[in-house]
Protein backbone atom coordinates (compact mmCIF):
# COMPACT_ATOMS: atom_id res chain seq x y z
CA MET A 1 -71.76 7.72 1.58
CA SER A 2 -74.48 5.86 3.49
CA SER A 3 -74.26 6.10 7.26
CA LYS A 4 -74.33 2.29 7.51
CA LEU A 5 -71.27 2.06 5.26
CA GLU A 6 -69.59 4.98 7.02
CA ASP A 7 -70.18 3.33 10.42
CA LEU A 8 -68.73 0.07 9.17
CA LEU A 9 -65.67 1.76 7.66
CA ASN A 10 -65.12 3.71 10.89
CA SER A 11 -65.32 0.45 12.84
CA LEU A 12 -62.75 -1.14 10.53
CA GLU A 13 -60.45 1.87 10.94
CA ALA A 14 -60.77 1.66 14.74
CA LEU A 15 -60.09 -2.07 14.61
CA ALA A 16 -56.97 -1.51 12.51
CA GLY A 17 -55.83 1.06 15.07
CA GLN A 18 -56.07 -1.56 17.81
CA HIS A 19 -53.48 -3.71 16.00
CA PRO A 20 -50.65 -1.32 15.08
CA ASN A 21 -47.97 -3.97 15.64
CA GLU A 22 -49.71 -6.59 13.49
CA PRO A 23 -49.15 -5.56 9.86
CA GLU A 24 -50.92 -8.62 8.45
CA ALA A 25 -54.03 -7.91 10.52
CA VAL A 26 -54.01 -4.24 9.47
CA ALA A 27 -53.58 -5.22 5.81
CA THR A 28 -56.52 -7.63 6.07
CA ILE A 29 -58.74 -4.96 7.63
CA LYS A 30 -57.71 -2.38 5.00
CA THR A 31 -58.49 -4.91 2.25
CA ALA A 32 -61.97 -5.43 3.70
CA ALA A 33 -62.51 -1.65 3.66
CA LYS A 34 -61.31 -1.46 0.04
CA ALA A 35 -63.71 -4.27 -0.89
CA LEU A 36 -66.59 -2.25 0.53
CA HIS A 37 -65.50 0.83 -1.46
CA PHE A 38 -65.26 -1.35 -4.58
CA ILE A 39 -68.77 -2.75 -4.05
CA ARG A 40 -70.07 0.81 -3.66
CA SER A 41 -68.24 1.96 -6.81
CA LEU A 42 -70.01 -0.79 -8.77
CA GLY A 43 -73.38 0.47 -7.54
CA LYS A 44 -73.96 -2.82 -5.71
CA LEU A 45 -73.96 -1.64 -2.11
CA GLU A 46 -77.68 -2.33 -1.63
CA ASP A 47 -77.19 -5.81 -3.08
CA PHE A 48 -74.35 -6.32 -0.59
CA TRP A 49 -76.53 -5.29 2.36
CA ASN A 50 -79.23 -7.72 1.18
CA TYR A 51 -76.60 -10.47 0.85
CA GLU A 52 -75.19 -9.66 4.28
CA ARG A 53 -78.68 -9.80 5.79
CA VAL A 54 -79.32 -13.39 4.64
CA PHE A 55 -75.76 -14.75 4.69
CA GLY A 56 -75.65 -18.04 6.58
CA THR A 57 -79.43 -18.47 6.60
CA LYS A 58 -81.69 -20.81 4.69
CA GLU A 59 -82.69 -17.86 2.46
CA HIS A 60 -79.05 -17.62 1.31
CA TRP A 61 -78.80 -21.32 0.49
CA PRO A 62 -78.67 -22.19 -3.24
CA LYS A 63 -81.97 -22.70 -5.01
CA PRO A 64 -82.13 -25.85 -7.15
CA LEU A 65 -82.74 -25.59 -10.90
CA ASN A 66 -84.73 -28.82 -10.81
CA SER A 67 -85.66 -31.63 -8.41
CA PHE A 68 -85.38 -35.38 -8.95
CA PRO A 69 -86.31 -38.50 -7.01
CA SER A 70 -82.96 -40.20 -7.73
CA GLU A 71 -79.45 -39.60 -9.08
CA ASP A 72 -80.32 -41.65 -12.16
CA ALA A 73 -83.24 -39.33 -12.92
CA ALA A 74 -81.00 -36.28 -12.40
CA ARG A 75 -78.28 -37.67 -14.68
CA SER A 76 -80.85 -38.51 -17.37
CA TRP A 77 -82.07 -34.91 -17.31
CA LEU A 78 -78.52 -33.54 -17.23
CA ARG A 79 -77.59 -35.50 -20.35
CA THR A 80 -80.27 -33.53 -22.24
CA GLN A 81 -78.77 -30.18 -21.14
CA PRO A 82 -76.22 -28.61 -23.47
CA ASP A 83 -75.03 -26.36 -20.66
CA LEU A 84 -76.04 -25.09 -17.23
CA PRO A 85 -75.43 -21.83 -15.39
CA TYR A 86 -72.22 -21.53 -13.41
CA ALA A 87 -72.53 -23.13 -9.94
CA ALA A 88 -75.82 -24.84 -10.86
CA VAL A 89 -77.52 -26.84 -8.11
CA VAL A 90 -80.15 -29.58 -8.35
CA GLU A 91 -82.10 -31.39 -5.67
CA VAL A 92 -81.85 -35.18 -5.57
CA ALA A 93 -84.01 -37.12 -3.11
CA GLY A 94 -84.26 -34.09 -0.82
CA SER A 95 -80.53 -33.18 -0.86
CA LEU A 96 -78.88 -30.39 -2.80
CA HIS A 97 -76.13 -31.31 -5.26
CA SER A 98 -73.68 -29.09 -7.11
CA VAL A 99 -73.47 -29.93 -10.81
CA ALA A 100 -70.20 -29.99 -12.71
CA ARG A 101 -68.94 -31.41 -15.96
CA THR A 102 -65.83 -33.55 -16.28
CA ARG A 103 -63.31 -32.97 -19.05
CA ASP A 104 -64.86 -35.78 -21.06
CA GLY A 105 -68.29 -34.12 -20.87
CA GLU A 106 -69.96 -36.29 -18.22
CA TRP A 107 -72.07 -34.58 -15.56
CA VAL A 108 -71.05 -35.07 -11.94
CA LEU A 109 -73.26 -34.52 -8.89
CA VAL A 110 -71.57 -33.47 -5.66
CA ARG A 111 -73.80 -33.52 -2.59
CA LEU A 112 -73.80 -30.26 -0.63
CA PRO A 113 -73.99 -30.43 3.16
CA SER A 114 -77.16 -29.02 4.69
CA ILE A 115 -77.09 -25.97 6.96
CA GLU A 116 -77.82 -28.30 9.88
CA GLU A 117 -74.82 -30.49 9.00
CA LEU A 118 -72.57 -27.47 8.74
CA GLU A 119 -73.74 -26.11 12.08
CA GLY A 120 -73.47 -29.53 13.80
């Protein structure tokens, strides 16, 4: 086990020990530890450390599939797409938008808040 993971698991164990009379808190901490073991068992621990390193930064923010000057231009392009990857994002007039399809097959653009808006 990597020392970084071992240090983190030891910290979680110590934290759980500080809350012996709070079963929900202990269960939450134990679940976090199990999640780390699960990530390691999948061989994705290095990917997790990379994700953790950029989480909450601009580098972590979704990258758009395509950029458009207007919503009309984005919708025109979307109508030509048979399908898009899960959680696809496009840029419209400088703002990121999540792309989803309604039950009747129409594409919907949902503007995502910027990091600055979320921090403000």
